[in-house]
C-alpha atoms as a PDB file:
ATOM      1  CA  MET A   1      46.330 -87.912  53.712  1.00  0.00           C
ATOM      2  CA  THR A   2      48.654 -85.559  55.861  1.00  0.00           C
ATOM      3  CA  SER A   3      46.245 -86.583  58.392  1.00  0.00           C
ATOM      4  CA  SER A   4      46.673 -90.310  58.222  1.00  0.00           C
ATOM      5  CA  ARG A   5      50.511 -90.264  57.823  1.00  0.00           C
ATOM      6  CA  THR A   6      50.348 -88.073  61.510  1.00  0.00           C
ATOM      7  CA  SER A   7      48.141 -90.166  63.215  1.00  0.00           C
ATOM      8  CA  ARG A   8      50.565 -92.925  61.860  1.00  0.00           C
ATOM      9  CA  PHE A   9      53.189 -91.798  63.080  1.00  0.00           C
ATOM     10  CA  GLU A  10      51.517 -90.992  66.812  1.00  0.00           C
ATOM     11  CA  ARG A  11      50.504 -94.181  66.795  1.00  0.00           C
ATOM     12  CA  ALA A  12      53.819 -95.524  66.243  1.00  0.00           C
ATOM     13  CA  ALA A  13      55.009 -92.918  69.401  1.00  0.00           C
ATOM     14  CA  MET A  14      52.628 -94.640  71.674  1.00  0.00           C
ATOM     15  CA  ASP A  15      53.775 -97.739  71.018  1.00  0.00           C
ATOM     16  CA  ARG A  16      57.504 -97.017  71.760  1.00  0.00           C
ATOM     17  CA  PRO A  17      57.140 -98.174  75.112  1.00  0.00           C
ATOM     18  CA  ILE A  18      55.431-101.420  74.054  1.00  0.00           C
ATOM     19  CA  ILE A  19      58.091-101.878  71.747  1.00  0.00           C
ATOM     20  CA  GLU A  20      60.814-101.472  73.346  1.00  0.00           C
ATOM     21  CA  GLN A  21      59.863-103.436  76.289  1.00  0.00           C
ATOM     22  CA  ARG A  22      59.179-106.370  73.774  1.00  0.00           C
ATOM     23  CA  VAL A  23      62.867-106.148  72.490  1.00  0.00           C
ATOM     24  CA  MET A  24      64.651-105.818  75.727  1.00  0.00           C
ATOM     25  CA  ARG A  25      63.092-109.354  76.922  1.00  0.00           C
ATOM     26  CA  ILE A  26      64.479-110.459  73.606  1.00  0.00           C
ATOM     27  CA  ILE A  27      68.175-108.957  74.855  1.00  0.00           C
ATOM     28  CA  GLU A  28      67.855-110.551  77.875  1.00  0.00           C
ATOM     29  CA  ALA A  29      66.862-114.077  76.595  1.00  0.00           C
ATOM     30  CA  ILE A  30      69.724-113.805  74.896  1.00  0.00           C
ATOM     31  CA  VAL A  31      72.527-112.317  77.200  1.00  0.00           C
ATOM     32  CA  ARG A  32      70.726-113.383  80.765  1.00  0.00           C
ATOM     33  CA  ASP A  33      74.022-115.616  81.475  1.00  0.00           C
ATOM     34  CA  LYS A  34      76.455-112.621  80.399  1.00  0.00           C
ATOM     35  CA  LEU A  35      75.174-109.523  82.495  1.00  0.00           C
ATOM     36  CA  ASP A  36      77.453-110.187  85.435  1.00  0.00           C
ATOM     37  CA  GLY A  37      74.884-107.627  87.376  1.00  0.00           C
ATOM     38  CA  ARG A  38      74.705-105.258  84.507  1.00  0.00           C
ATOM     39  CA  VAL A  39      71.350-103.834  83.593  1.00  0.00           C
ATOM     40  CA  VAL A  40      70.231-103.911  80.098  1.00  0.00           C
ATOM     41  CA  SER A  41      69.471-100.712  78.782  1.00  0.00           C
ATOM     42  CA  MET A  42      68.205 -99.758  74.814  1.00  0.00           C
ATOM     43  CA  GLN A  43      71.217 -97.488  74.653  1.00  0.00           C
ATOM     44  CA  ALA A  44      73.571-100.205  75.390  1.00  0.00           C
ATOM     45  CA  PRO A  45      75.550-101.893  72.521  1.00  0.00           C
ATOM     46  CA  LEU A  46      74.781-105.088  71.833  1.00  0.00           C
ATOM     47  CA  ILE A  47      78.426-106.152  72.152  1.00  0.00           C
ATOM     48  CA  GLU A  48      79.221-104.665  75.371  1.00  0.00           C
ATOM     49  CA  LEU A  49      76.294-106.786  76.978  1.00  0.00           C
ATOM     50  CA  GLY A  50      78.414-109.844  76.102  1.00  0.00           C
ATOM     51  CA  MET A  51      76.209-110.901  72.601  1.00  0.00           C
ATOM     52  CA  ALA A  52      78.861-112.637  70.178  1.00  0.00           C
ATOM     53  CA  SER A  53      78.031-113.032  66.630  1.00  0.00           C
ATOM     54  CA  VAL A  54      75.768-115.790  66.753  1.00  0.00           C
ATOM     55  CA  ASP A  55      74.205-114.317  69.194  1.00  0.00           C
ATOM     56  CA  MET A  56      73.066-111.422  67.226  1.00  0.00           C
ATOM     57  CA  VAL A  57      71.805-113.620  64.289  1.00  0.00           C
ATOM     58  CA  ASN A  58      70.076-114.890  67.135  1.00  0.00           C
ATOM     59  CA  PHE A  59      68.992-111.713  68.156  1.00  0.00           C
ATOM     60  CA  LEU A  60      68.020-110.546  64.307  1.00  0.00           C
ATOM     61  CA  LEU A  61      65.949-113.382  63.698  1.00  0.00           C
ATOM     62  CA  GLN A  62      63.797-112.929  66.779  1.00  0.00           C
ATOM     63  CA  ILE A  63      63.232-109.589  66.056  1.00  0.00           C
ATOM     64  CA  GLU A  64      62.408-110.613  62.549  1.00  0.00           C
ATOM     65  CA  GLU A  65      59.629-113.535  64.330  1.00  0.00           C
ATOM     66  CA  GLU A  66      58.281-110.985  67.460  1.00  0.00           C
ATOM     67  CA  PHE A  67      57.837-108.055  64.591  1.00  0.00           C
ATOM     68  CA  SER A  68      56.889-109.918  61.526  1.00  0.00           C
ATOM     69  CA  ILE A  69      59.542-108.322  59.560  1.00  0.00           C
ATOM     70  CA  GLN A  70      62.233-108.750  57.769  1.00  0.00           C
ATOM     71  CA  ILE A  71      65.541-106.738  58.329  1.00  0.00           C
ATOM     72  CA  PRO A  72      67.266-106.047  54.856  1.00  0.00           C
ATOM     73  CA  THR A  73      70.881-108.000  54.736  1.00  0.00           C
ATOM     74  CA  ARG A  74      72.255-104.568  53.817  1.00  0.00           C
ATOM     75  CA  LEU A  75      71.167-103.285  57.354  1.00  0.00           C
ATOM     76  CA  VAL A  76      72.668-105.502  59.140  1.00  0.00           C
ATOM     77  CA  THR A  77      76.322-103.978  59.982  1.00  0.00           C
ATOM     78  CA  PRO A  78      78.387-104.408  63.174  1.00  0.00           C
ATOM     79  CA  ALA A  79      77.924-100.806  62.954  1.00  0.00           C
ATOM     80  CA  ASN A  80      74.147-101.695  63.768  1.00  0.00           C
ATOM     81  CA  PHE A  81      75.104-103.529  66.764  1.00  0.00           C
END
């Protein structure tokens, strides 16, 4: 059982660059008009990229659709943005 967990985690680590690219595409599409020459990075808080609360809801919905997941409401807090 340990080996299957290890391989799942290893796969996730290998997929990380692909996942980050997909997330970045979504972020860039939402904030494209608000960037004013700034570069989007995975470390930048979304609010600093110009996302308003409506944009953040749109972002969450797009993430859920892109990755076929459902983000639990209890995890959606201002601290996570």
